[in-house]
């Protein structure tokens, strides 16, 4: 039944991408960015609902009072595809994401990304990619939005830890905006490779803002990594 339910959800998700993706990249272009933001959040919320109804996969937020109300840099654990859509719905503030530019080349989905205010980087560009994150990120933050980054860059399996990239911390240092760290165990229920979505409740922990003024990027990165990984050790590591 888990596989059947997961397949039904996968098909439903694909349909939702077509519907919302075309709406954002066509009609949405005639509307202000705030309308495209709303459509993006509506897509995320609809998928959270589908996961709950079809796969019995829910989530619980700890530290909801720490969700950003003003401009901030959000640095999140990256374990699965769940957080790439769920955070769109969980984070109520207008948001822009740092992502690999290859995602922009995906038909419909990539068109929708291009129609929203994202920071698309070439991971192989090194310092140039970092400069782009800082330049565009500061502009976005100054406009009152939040910037969402996965510092590990790629998905890591439960119990594993990737190298925390410096981009998000450097943006926080140069801009002076606070960092909101997020830990979760989505990879336990939605593995980075595989169709099955296991029933249960994903635990999402939102940390208190880390004030960054006067701190160097290395210190900020260490604070974020220490907090996230400490939380990960306390979260359930199996669906049961």
Protein backbone atom coordinates (compact mmCIF):
# COMPACT_ATOMS: atom_id res chain seq x y z
CA UNK A 1 0.00 0.00 0.00
CA UNK A 2 2.88 2.38 0.70
CA UNK A 3 4.13 2.01 -2.87
CA UNK A 4 0.63 2.42 -4.34
CA UNK A 5 -0.03 5.52 -2.25
CA UNK A 6 3.37 6.93 -3.15
CA UNK A 7 2.67 6.40 -6.84
CA UNK A 8 -0.70 8.15 -6.55
CA UNK A 9 1.01 11.07 -4.81
CA UNK A 10 3.75 11.20 -7.44
CA UNK A 11 1.17 11.45 -10.23
CA UNK A 12 -0.79 14.08 -8.27
CA UNK A 13 2.38 16.09 -7.66
CA UNK A 14 3.26 15.99 -11.37
CA UNK A 15 -0.20 17.27 -12.25
CA UNK A 16 0.11 20.06 -9.69
CA UNK A 17 3.46 21.10 -11.18
CA UNK A 18 1.88 21.35 -14.63
CA UNK A 19 -1.11 23.36 -13.40
CA UNK A 20 0.72 25.76 -11.09
CA UNK A 21 3.86 25.88 -13.23
CA UNK A 22 1.96 26.99 -16.31
CA UNK A 23 -0.10 29.46 -14.28
CA UNK A 24 3.01 31.07 -12.78
CA UNK A 25 4.99 31.16 -16.03
CA UNK A 26 2.16 32.46 -18.24
CA UNK A 27 -0.64 34.39 -16.54
CA UNK A 28 1.65 35.02 -13.58
CA UNK A 29 4.02 37.07 -15.74
CA UNK A 30 1.23 39.61 -16.20
CA UNK A 31 0.82 39.90 -12.42
CA UNK A 32 3.09 41.41 -9.75
CA UNK A 33 5.72 39.26 -8.06
CA UNK A 34 3.54 39.03 -4.95
CA UNK A 35 0.92 37.13 -6.97
CA UNK A 36 3.54 34.67 -8.22
CA UNK A 37 4.73 34.26 -4.63
CA UNK A 38 1.16 33.46 -3.61
CA UNK A 39 0.80 30.87 -6.37
CA UNK A 40 4.10 29.24 -5.35
CA UNK A 41 2.96 28.97 -1.73
CA UNK A 42 -0.43 27.64 -2.85
CA UNK A 43 1.36 24.91 -4.82
CA UNK A 44 3.45 23.98 -1.78
CA UNK A 45 0.44 23.97 0.54
CA UNK A 46 -1.55 21.79 -1.87
CA UNK A 47 1.28 19.25 -1.92
CA UNK A 48 1.53 19.23 1.87
CA UNK A 49 -2.21 18.48 1.92
CA UNK A 50 -1.80 15.71 -0.70
CA UNK A 51 1.01 14.13 1.31
CA UNK A 52 -1.15 14.08 4.41
CA UNK A 53 -4.25 12.68 2.66
CA UNK A 54 -2.64 10.24 0.24
CA UNK A 55 0.52 9.11 2.08
CA UNK A 56 -0.46 9.89 5.70
CA UNK A 57 2.74 11.94 5.86
CA UNK A 58 2.41 14.94 8.17
CA UNK A 59 4.77 17.42 9.78
CA UNK A 60 5.11 19.15 13.13
CA UNK A 61 6.89 22.44 13.73
CA UNK A 62 8.86 23.16 16.89
CA UNK A 63 9.85 26.78 17.41
CA UNK A 64 7.19 28.22 15.12
CA UNK A 65 7.62 31.52 16.95
CA UNK A 66 11.07 31.74 15.32
CA UNK A 67 9.73 31.66 11.75
CA UNK A 68 10.98 34.88 10.10
CA UNK A 69 8.63 37.83 10.01
CA UNK A 70 11.25 40.13 8.48
CA UNK A 71 14.17 39.78 6.08
CA UNK A 72 16.57 37.01 7.09
CA UNK A 73 18.82 34.28 5.71
CA UNK A 74 17.27 30.84 6.24
CA UNK A 75 19.78 27.97 6.33
CA UNK A 76 18.16 24.53 6.35
CA UNK A 77 19.18 20.90 6.58
CA UNK A 78 18.82 19.13 3.21
CA UNK A 79 17.80 15.43 3.27
CA UNK A 80 15.10 14.96 0.64
CA UNK A 81 12.85 16.64 -1.89
CA UNK A 82 10.28 17.29 0.85
CA UNK A 83 11.86 20.48 2.16
CA UNK A 84 12.32 21.90 -1.34
CA UNK A 85 8.56 22.28 -1.57
CA UNK A 86 7.38 22.18 2.05
CA UNK A 87 9.39 25.19 3.21
CA UNK A 88 7.66 27.23 0.51
CA UNK A 89 4.42 26.69 2.41
CA UNK A 90 5.81 26.70 5.96
CA UNK A 91 7.74 29.96 5.57
CA UNK A 92 4.99 32.55 5.25
CA UNK A 93 7.31 35.46 4.45
CA UNK A 94 8.03 36.33 0.81
CA UNK A 95 11.06 34.27 -0.13
CA UNK A 96 13.77 33.76 -2.73
CA UNK A 97 15.80 30.57 -3.05
CA UNK A 98 19.40 29.90 -4.00
CA UNK A 99 19.38 26.95 -6.42
CA UNK A 100 21.47 25.31 -9.11
CA UNK A 101 20.83 26.84 -12.51
CA UNK A 102 20.19 23.41 -14.09
CA UNK A 103 16.77 23.38 -12.42
CA UNK A 104 15.79 26.33 -14.62
CA UNK A 105 16.16 24.12 -17.69
CA UNK A 106 13.35 21.72 -16.66
CA UNK A 107 10.22 22.31 -18.79
CA UNK A 108 7.31 23.97 -16.94
CA UNK A 109 8.91 23.59 -13.49
CA UNK A 110 11.96 25.56 -14.57
CA UNK A 111 9.80 28.13 -16.34
CA UNK A 112 7.97 28.74 -13.07
CA UNK A 113 11.26 29.11 -11.21
CA UNK A 114 12.42 31.64 -13.79
CA UNK A 115 9.23 33.63 -13.24
CA UNK A 116 9.94 33.98 -9.53
CA UNK A 117 12.81 35.85 -7.91
CA UNK A 118 15.44 33.15 -7.47
CA UNK A 119 19.25 33.16 -7.36
CA UNK A 120 20.32 30.58 -9.92
CA UNK A 121 24.02 29.69 -9.63
CA UNK A 122 26.53 27.63 -11.54
CA UNK A 123 28.01 25.39 -8.86
CA UNK A 124 31.21 25.02 -10.85
CA UNK A 125 31.77 28.79 -10.96
CA UNK A 126 33.34 28.93 -7.49
CA UNK A 127 34.00 32.53 -6.42
CA UNK A 128 31.77 33.91 -9.16
CA UNK A 129 28.82 31.94 -7.76
CA UNK A 130 29.61 33.26 -4.28
CA UNK A 131 29.73 36.84 -5.57
CA UNK A 132 26.35 36.32 -7.25
CA UNK A 133 24.80 35.02 -4.02
CA UNK A 134 26.08 38.03 -2.09
CA UNK A 135 25.13 40.64 -4.69
CA UNK A 136 21.63 39.39 -5.49
CA UNK A 137 21.03 38.17 -1.94
CA UNK A 138 21.70 41.60 -0.43
CA UNK A 139 19.30 43.21 -2.91
CA UNK A 140 16.62 40.67 -2.08
CA UNK A 141 17.09 41.06 1.68
CA UNK A 142 16.99 44.85 1.40
CA UNK A 143 13.63 44.46 -0.35
CA UNK A 144 12.29 42.73 2.78
CA UNK A 145 12.32 39.14 1.52
CA UNK A 146 14.02 36.10 3.02
CA UNK A 147 16.73 34.11 1.23
CA UNK A 148 16.58 30.31 1.60
CA UNK A 149 19.76 28.27 1.21
CA UNK A 150 20.70 24.63 1.80
CA UNK A 151 24.30 25.02 3.03
CA UNK A 152 25.14 21.35 2.39
CA UNK A 153 24.32 21.93 -1.27
CA UNK A 154 23.04 18.44 -1.93
CA UNK A 155 20.81 15.96 -0.11
CA UNK A 156 22.39 13.91 2.66
CA UNK A 157 20.99 10.65 4.01
CA UNK A 158 19.73 10.49 7.62
CA UNK A 159 22.65 10.13 10.00
CA UNK A 160 25.03 11.74 7.51
CA UNK A 161 26.40 15.26 7.34
CA UNK A 162 27.58 17.10 4.27
CA UNK A 163 30.14 19.90 4.17
CA UNK A 164 28.49 23.22 5.02
CA UNK A 165 29.20 25.69 2.24
CA UNK A 166 30.14 29.25 3.13
CA UNK A 167 27.71 31.04 0.76
CA UNK A 168 24.82 31.59 3.16
CA UNK A 169 27.10 32.60 6.02
CA UNK A 170 29.00 35.00 3.75
CA UNK A 171 25.73 36.59 2.66
CA UNK A 172 24.76 37.02 6.32
CA UNK A 173 28.14 38.57 7.15
CA UNK A 174 28.09 41.02 4.26
CA UNK A 175 24.43 41.99 4.69
CA UNK A 176 24.18 41.96 8.50
CA UNK A 177 20.82 40.22 8.40
CA UNK A 178 20.11 37.44 10.94
CA UNK A 179 20.23 33.73 10.16
CA UNK A 180 17.33 31.38 10.92
CA UNK A 181 18.57 27.75 11.15
CA UNK A 182 16.19 24.87 10.42
CA UNK A 183 16.64 21.16 11.21
CA UNK A 184 14.28 18.34 10.18
CA UNK A 185 14.21 14.59 9.59
CA UNK A 186 12.31 14.49 6.28
CA UNK A 187 14.83 12.03 4.84
CA UNK A 188 13.56 9.34 7.21
CA UNK A 189 10.13 9.38 5.52
CA UNK A 190 11.02 10.61 2.02
CA UNK A 191 14.38 9.19 1.06
CA UNK A 192 16.60 11.07 -1.35
CA UNK A 193 16.38 8.17 -3.82
CA UNK A 194 13.24 6.08 -4.07
CA UNK A 195 9.54 6.38 -4.75
CA UNK A 196 8.09 5.44 -1.36
CA UNK A 197 6.79 8.07 1.06
CA UNK A 198 6.44 6.48 4.50
CA UNK A 199 3.59 7.47 6.83
CA UNK A 200 4.45 9.40 9.95
CA UNK A 201 5.22 12.89 11.16
CA UNK A 202 8.25 14.85 10.00
CA UNK A 203 9.74 16.90 12.81
CA UNK A 204 10.79 20.42 11.85
CA UNK A 205 12.79 22.51 14.34
CA UNK A 206 13.17 26.25 13.75
CA UNK A 207 15.98 27.86 15.72
CA UNK A 208 16.13 31.30 17.27
CA UNK A 209 17.60 34.02 15.04
CA UNK A 210 21.38 34.16 15.03
CA UNK A 211 22.47 37.79 14.99
CA UNK A 212 25.34 38.14 12.54
CA UNK A 213 26.51 41.73 12.84
CA UNK A 214 30.16 41.77 13.83
CA UNK A 215 30.64 38.06 13.07
CA UNK A 216 32.77 36.61 10.30
CA UNK A 217 31.31 34.07 7.87
CA UNK A 218 33.35 31.22 9.34
CA UNK A 219 32.00 31.86 12.83
CA UNK A 220 28.44 32.13 11.52
CA UNK A 221 28.80 28.86 9.62
CA UNK A 222 30.12 27.06 12.69
CA UNK A 223 27.22 28.33 14.81
CA UNK A 224 24.67 27.20 12.21
CA UNK A 225 26.28 23.79 11.65
CA UNK A 226 26.63 23.13 15.38
CA UNK A 227 23.00 24.02 16.09
CA UNK A 228 21.52 22.06 13.17
CA UNK A 229 23.59 18.92 13.74
CA UNK A 230 22.88 18.98 17.48
CA UNK A 231 19.16 19.06 16.71
CA UNK A 232 19.54 16.25 14.18
CA UNK A 233 20.95 13.96 16.84
CA UNK A 234 17.76 14.37 18.86
CA UNK A 235 15.27 13.76 16.03
CA UNK A 236 13.80 10.29 15.29
CA UNK A 237 15.91 8.39 12.75
CA UNK A 238 13.28 5.83 11.68
CA UNK A 239 9.62 6.05 10.54
CA UNK A 240 8.51 4.05 13.56
